[in-house]
Amino acid sequence: MGARAILHLLLHFAVPALIAWLFFRDRFLRAWALMLLGWIIDIDHLLADPIYAPGRCSIGFHPLHTAPAIAAYGVLVLPRRTRLFGIGLLVHIALDAIDCIWMHAAG
C-alpha cells in the first residue's frame, strides 16, 4: 500500500474526528462514530473486479459513489436524526474525490 493510500485512509479517520471535535465536542465520540459509519458505502467495492484497485477512482465508478447516491447523502444532512451520518457520508465522498484528484495529478 502506497503513501497516498495510507494518507487517504488516515484522513477518513481524522477528518470526521476533527469535525466532531470542532462542532460536536459535547458528544464527540458519538458524533465521530456516526460519521465513521459513512464507510459503509464502501461495501459497493465488493461489486467490482478487482475489489480493490489502488489506481481506480471510486467517484462515478461504484454505485454508492455516484451523483444520485451523493444527492441522497445530502438529503440525509437535513433531518437532525440522520445529520451526523449524512455528514459522514459526504465527508467520505469528498475525501474520495480528493483522492481522485491526487491520482489524476500524479499522472
N, C-alpha and C. Protein backbone atom coordinates (compact mmCIF):
# COMPACT_ATOMS: atom_id res chain seq x y z
N MET A 1 0.86 -1.18 0.00
CA MET A 1 0.00 0.00 0.00
C MET A 1 0.90 1.23 0.00
N GLY A 2 0.63 2.14 -0.93
CA GLY A 2 1.46 3.32 -1.08
C GLY A 2 1.12 4.41 -0.08
N ALA A 3 1.95 5.44 -0.08
CA ALA A 3 1.79 6.55 0.86
C ALA A 3 0.46 7.27 0.64
N ARG A 4 0.05 7.45 -0.63
CA ARG A 4 -1.22 8.12 -0.92
C ARG A 4 -2.38 7.34 -0.32
N ALA A 5 -2.37 6.02 -0.48
CA ALA A 5 -3.45 5.19 0.04
C ALA A 5 -3.50 5.23 1.56
N ILE A 6 -2.34 5.21 2.19
CA ILE A 6 -2.29 5.27 3.66
C ILE A 6 -2.81 6.62 4.15
N LEU A 7 -2.37 7.70 3.49
CA LEU A 7 -2.85 9.03 3.86
C LEU A 7 -4.37 9.12 3.67
N HIS A 8 -4.85 8.56 2.58
CA HIS A 8 -6.29 8.56 2.30
C HIS A 8 -7.06 7.88 3.43
N LEU A 9 -6.61 6.73 3.86
CA LEU A 9 -7.28 6.01 4.95
C LEU A 9 -7.21 6.79 6.26
N LEU A 10 -6.05 7.37 6.55
CA LEU A 10 -5.91 8.17 7.77
C LEU A 10 -6.85 9.37 7.77
N LEU A 11 -7.00 9.99 6.61
CA LEU A 11 -7.91 11.12 6.52
C LEU A 11 -9.36 10.71 6.76
N HIS A 12 -9.71 9.49 6.38
CA HIS A 12 -11.07 9.00 6.62
C HIS A 12 -11.36 8.88 8.13
N PHE A 13 -10.32 8.74 8.94
CA PHE A 13 -10.49 8.74 10.39
C PHE A 13 -10.37 10.15 10.96
N ALA A 14 -9.37 10.89 10.47
CA ALA A 14 -9.02 12.17 11.07
C ALA A 14 -10.03 13.28 10.77
N VAL A 15 -10.51 13.37 9.55
CA VAL A 15 -11.41 14.47 9.20
C VAL A 15 -12.73 14.38 9.98
N PRO A 16 -13.37 13.21 10.06
CA PRO A 16 -14.56 13.15 10.92
C PRO A 16 -14.25 13.46 12.39
N ALA A 17 -13.09 13.05 12.85
CA ALA A 17 -12.70 13.36 14.23
C ALA A 17 -12.58 14.87 14.42
N LEU A 18 -11.96 15.54 13.46
CA LEU A 18 -11.81 17.00 13.54
C LEU A 18 -13.17 17.69 13.51
N ILE A 19 -14.04 17.26 12.63
CA ILE A 19 -15.38 17.85 12.56
C ILE A 19 -16.14 17.62 13.87
N ALA A 20 -16.05 16.40 14.40
CA ALA A 20 -16.70 16.09 15.68
C ALA A 20 -16.15 16.96 16.79
N TRP A 21 -14.84 17.16 16.81
CA TRP A 21 -14.20 17.95 17.85
C TRP A 21 -14.59 19.43 17.74
N LEU A 22 -14.63 19.94 16.52
CA LEU A 22 -14.92 21.36 16.33
C LEU A 22 -16.39 21.71 16.53
N PHE A 23 -17.30 20.84 16.09
CA PHE A 23 -18.71 21.20 16.06
C PHE A 23 -19.61 20.40 16.99
N PHE A 24 -19.13 19.27 17.47
CA PHE A 24 -19.96 18.40 18.32
C PHE A 24 -19.17 17.94 19.54
N ARG A 25 -18.37 18.82 20.10
CA ARG A 25 -17.45 18.45 21.18
C ARG A 25 -18.17 17.85 22.38
N ASP A 26 -19.37 18.33 22.67
CA ASP A 26 -20.10 17.83 23.83
C ASP A 26 -20.52 16.37 23.67
N ARG A 27 -20.54 15.89 22.43
CA ARG A 27 -20.85 14.48 22.15
C ARG A 27 -19.87 13.93 21.12
N PHE A 28 -18.60 14.24 21.35
CA PHE A 28 -17.53 13.93 20.41
C PHE A 28 -17.52 12.47 19.95
N LEU A 29 -17.46 11.52 20.87
CA LEU A 29 -17.34 10.11 20.49
C LEU A 29 -18.54 9.62 19.69
N ARG A 30 -19.72 10.02 20.10
CA ARG A 30 -20.93 9.62 19.37
C ARG A 30 -20.94 10.24 17.96
N ALA A 31 -20.60 11.51 17.88
CA ALA A 31 -20.58 12.19 16.58
C ALA A 31 -19.53 11.56 15.66
N TRP A 32 -18.35 11.31 16.21
CA TRP A 32 -17.29 10.71 15.40
C TRP A 32 -17.70 9.32 14.92
N ALA A 33 -18.27 8.53 15.82
CA ALA A 33 -18.70 7.18 15.45
C ALA A 33 -19.77 7.20 14.35
N LEU A 34 -20.74 8.10 14.48
CA LEU A 34 -21.79 8.18 13.47
C LEU A 34 -21.23 8.63 12.12
N MET A 35 -20.26 9.53 12.14
CA MET A 35 -19.64 9.95 10.88
C MET A 35 -18.78 8.84 10.29
N LEU A 36 -18.12 8.06 11.14
CA LEU A 36 -17.32 6.94 10.64
C LEU A 36 -18.19 5.89 9.96
N LEU A 37 -19.47 5.84 10.32
CA LEU A 37 -20.38 4.91 9.65
C LEU A 37 -20.50 5.20 8.16
N GLY A 38 -20.03 6.37 7.75
CA GLY A 38 -20.02 6.71 6.33
C GLY A 38 -19.20 5.73 5.51
N TRP A 39 -18.32 4.99 6.15
CA TRP A 39 -17.52 3.98 5.44
C TRP A 39 -18.37 2.84 4.91
N ILE A 40 -19.59 2.74 5.39
CA ILE A 40 -20.46 1.65 4.96
C ILE A 40 -20.68 1.68 3.44
N ILE A 41 -20.57 2.86 2.85
CA ILE A 41 -20.79 2.93 1.40
C ILE A 41 -19.68 2.22 0.62
N ASP A 42 -18.58 1.92 1.26
CA ASP A 42 -17.52 1.19 0.56
C ASP A 42 -17.89 -0.28 0.34
N ILE A 43 -19.03 -0.69 0.84
CA ILE A 43 -19.49 -2.05 0.58
C ILE A 43 -19.69 -2.27 -0.92
N ASP A 44 -19.93 -1.18 -1.65
CA ASP A 44 -20.11 -1.32 -3.10
C ASP A 44 -18.83 -1.72 -3.82
N HIS A 45 -17.70 -1.62 -3.15
CA HIS A 45 -16.44 -2.08 -3.73
C HIS A 45 -16.46 -3.59 -3.95
N LEU A 46 -17.29 -4.28 -3.19
CA LEU A 46 -17.39 -5.74 -3.34
C LEU A 46 -17.98 -6.14 -4.69
N LEU A 47 -18.63 -5.21 -5.36
CA LEU A 47 -19.21 -5.49 -6.68
C LEU A 47 -18.19 -5.35 -7.81
N ALA A 48 -17.03 -4.78 -7.49
CA ALA A 48 -16.03 -4.52 -8.52
C ALA A 48 -15.05 -5.69 -8.64
N ASP A 49 -14.44 -5.76 -9.80
CA ASP A 49 -13.40 -6.77 -10.03
C ASP A 49 -12.20 -6.08 -10.66
N PRO A 50 -11.10 -5.92 -9.95
CA PRO A 50 -10.86 -6.41 -8.59
C PRO A 50 -11.57 -5.54 -7.55
N ILE A 51 -11.74 -6.09 -6.37
CA ILE A 51 -12.41 -5.37 -5.29
C ILE A 51 -11.65 -4.10 -4.95
N TYR A 52 -10.35 -4.20 -4.84
CA TYR A 52 -9.52 -3.03 -4.53
C TYR A 52 -8.54 -2.80 -5.67
N ALA A 53 -8.59 -1.63 -6.25
CA ALA A 53 -7.65 -1.23 -7.30
C ALA A 53 -7.12 0.14 -6.91
N PRO A 54 -5.86 0.21 -6.47
CA PRO A 54 -5.33 1.46 -5.94
C PRO A 54 -5.38 2.64 -6.92
N GLY A 55 -5.39 2.39 -8.21
CA GLY A 55 -5.40 3.47 -9.18
C GLY A 55 -6.78 3.81 -9.72
N ARG A 56 -7.83 3.23 -9.15
CA ARG A 56 -9.19 3.45 -9.65
C ARG A 56 -9.88 4.52 -8.81
N CYS A 57 -10.51 5.46 -9.49
CA CYS A 57 -11.28 6.50 -8.82
C CYS A 57 -12.66 5.94 -8.48
N SER A 58 -13.03 6.02 -7.22
CA SER A 58 -14.33 5.49 -6.77
C SER A 58 -15.50 6.32 -7.26
N ILE A 59 -15.30 7.63 -7.37
CA ILE A 59 -16.39 8.53 -7.72
C ILE A 59 -16.86 8.23 -9.14
N GLY A 60 -18.14 7.91 -9.26
CA GLY A 60 -18.73 7.61 -10.55
C GLY A 60 -18.54 6.17 -10.99
N PHE A 61 -17.69 5.42 -10.31
CA PHE A 61 -17.45 4.03 -10.69
C PHE A 61 -18.33 3.08 -9.88
N HIS A 62 -18.28 3.21 -8.57
CA HIS A 62 -19.07 2.35 -7.69
C HIS A 62 -20.47 2.94 -7.51
N PRO A 63 -21.50 2.10 -7.42
CA PRO A 63 -22.89 2.60 -7.35
C PRO A 63 -23.16 3.58 -6.20
N LEU A 64 -22.58 3.36 -5.06
CA LEU A 64 -22.82 4.24 -3.91
C LEU A 64 -21.91 5.46 -3.92
N HIS A 65 -21.17 5.63 -5.01
CA HIS A 65 -20.28 6.77 -5.19
C HIS A 65 -20.69 7.57 -6.44
N THR A 66 -21.97 7.50 -6.81
CA THR A 66 -22.48 8.19 -7.99
C THR A 66 -23.31 9.40 -7.57
N ALA A 67 -23.61 10.26 -8.54
CA ALA A 67 -24.34 11.50 -8.26
C ALA A 67 -25.69 11.28 -7.57
N PRO A 68 -26.52 10.32 -8.01
CA PRO A 68 -27.80 10.14 -7.30
C PRO A 68 -27.60 9.75 -5.84
N ALA A 69 -26.64 8.89 -5.57
CA ALA A 69 -26.38 8.49 -4.19
C ALA A 69 -25.87 9.68 -3.38
N ILE A 70 -24.99 10.46 -3.97
CA ILE A 70 -24.43 11.63 -3.27
C ILE A 70 -25.54 12.63 -2.96
N ALA A 71 -26.49 12.80 -3.88
CA ALA A 71 -27.63 13.69 -3.62
C ALA A 71 -28.44 13.18 -2.42
N ALA A 72 -28.62 11.87 -2.34
CA ALA A 72 -29.34 11.29 -1.20
C ALA A 72 -28.59 11.53 0.10
N TYR A 73 -27.26 11.49 0.06
CA TYR A 73 -26.47 11.75 1.27
C TYR A 73 -26.68 13.21 1.71
N GLY A 74 -26.79 14.10 0.73
CA GLY A 74 -27.06 15.50 1.06
C GLY A 74 -28.40 15.66 1.76
N VAL A 75 -29.39 14.91 1.32
CA VAL A 75 -30.72 14.96 1.94
C VAL A 75 -30.65 14.45 3.38
N LEU A 76 -29.79 13.47 3.64
CA LEU A 76 -29.66 12.92 5.00
C LEU A 76 -29.13 13.95 6.00
N VAL A 77 -28.49 14.99 5.50
CA VAL A 77 -27.96 16.03 6.39
C VAL A 77 -29.09 16.90 6.95
N LEU A 78 -30.21 16.96 6.27
CA LEU A 78 -31.28 17.87 6.67
C LEU A 78 -31.98 17.48 7.97
N PRO A 79 -32.46 16.23 8.14
CA PRO A 79 -33.09 15.89 9.42
C PRO A 79 -32.03 15.74 10.51
N ARG A 80 -32.35 16.26 11.67
CA ARG A 80 -31.39 16.19 12.78
C ARG A 80 -31.01 14.74 13.11
N ARG A 81 -31.97 13.85 12.99
CA ARG A 81 -31.77 12.44 13.36
C ARG A 81 -30.70 11.75 12.50
N THR A 82 -30.59 12.13 11.24
CA THR A 82 -29.63 11.49 10.32
C THR A 82 -28.46 12.40 9.95
N ARG A 83 -28.41 13.58 10.53
CA ARG A 83 -27.41 14.60 10.14
C ARG A 83 -25.97 14.10 10.24
N LEU A 84 -25.59 13.53 11.34
CA LEU A 84 -24.18 13.12 11.51
C LEU A 84 -23.80 12.01 10.53
N PHE A 85 -24.70 11.09 10.30
CA PHE A 85 -24.45 10.04 9.32
C PHE A 85 -24.31 10.65 7.93
N GLY A 86 -25.21 11.58 7.59
CA GLY A 86 -25.13 12.26 6.31
C GLY A 86 -23.84 13.03 6.14
N ILE A 87 -23.41 13.71 7.18
CA ILE A 87 -22.13 14.42 7.14
C ILE A 87 -21.00 13.43 6.90
N GLY A 88 -21.05 12.31 7.60
CA GLY A 88 -20.01 11.28 7.42
C GLY A 88 -19.96 10.77 5.99
N LEU A 89 -21.13 10.56 5.39
CA LEU A 89 -21.18 10.10 4.00
C LEU A 89 -20.60 11.14 3.06
N LEU A 90 -20.96 12.40 3.27
CA LEU A 90 -20.45 13.47 2.40
C LEU A 90 -18.95 13.69 2.59
N VAL A 91 -18.48 13.58 3.82
CA VAL A 91 -17.04 13.68 4.06
C VAL A 91 -16.32 12.54 3.35
N HIS A 92 -16.88 11.36 3.44
CA HIS A 92 -16.29 10.19 2.78
C HIS A 92 -16.19 10.44 1.27
N ILE A 93 -17.26 10.92 0.67
CA ILE A 93 -17.27 11.20 -0.77
C ILE A 93 -16.26 12.30 -1.10
N ALA A 94 -16.21 13.35 -0.29
CA ALA A 94 -15.26 14.44 -0.54
C ALA A 94 -13.82 13.93 -0.49
N LEU A 95 -13.52 13.09 0.49
CA LEU A 95 -12.16 12.55 0.58
C LEU A 95 -11.85 11.62 -0.59
N ASP A 96 -12.83 10.86 -1.02
CA ASP A 96 -12.62 10.01 -2.21
C ASP A 96 -12.40 10.87 -3.45
N ALA A 97 -13.13 11.98 -3.56
CA ALA A 97 -12.95 12.88 -4.70
C ALA A 97 -11.56 13.52 -4.68
N ILE A 98 -11.10 13.90 -3.50
CA ILE A 98 -9.75 14.46 -3.37
C ILE A 98 -8.72 13.40 -3.79
N ASP A 99 -8.95 12.17 -3.39
CA ASP A 99 -8.04 11.09 -3.78
C ASP A 99 -8.01 10.94 -5.31
N CYS A 100 -9.15 11.08 -5.95
CA CYS A 100 -9.21 11.01 -7.42
C CYS A 100 -8.38 12.14 -8.04
N ILE A 101 -8.51 13.33 -7.46
CA ILE A 101 -7.72 14.46 -7.97
C ILE A 101 -6.24 14.19 -7.81
N TRP A 102 -5.83 13.64 -6.65
CA TRP A 102 -4.42 13.31 -6.44
C TRP A 102 -3.94 12.28 -7.45
N MET A 103 -4.79 11.29 -7.74
CA MET A 103 -4.42 10.25 -8.71
C MET A 103 -4.21 10.85 -10.08
N HIS A 104 -5.12 11.72 -10.50
CA HIS A 104 -5.01 12.31 -11.83
C HIS A 104 -3.84 13.29 -11.92
N ALA A 105 -3.54 13.98 -10.81
CA ALA A 105 -2.42 14.92 -10.80
C ALA A 105 -1.09 14.18 -10.88
N ALA A 106 -1.05 12.97 -10.30
CA ALA A 106 0.18 12.18 -10.32
C ALA A 106 0.43 11.57 -11.68
N GLY A 107 -0.60 11.53 -12.50
CA GLY A 107 -0.44 11.02 -13.87
C GLY A 107 -0.72 9.61 -13.94
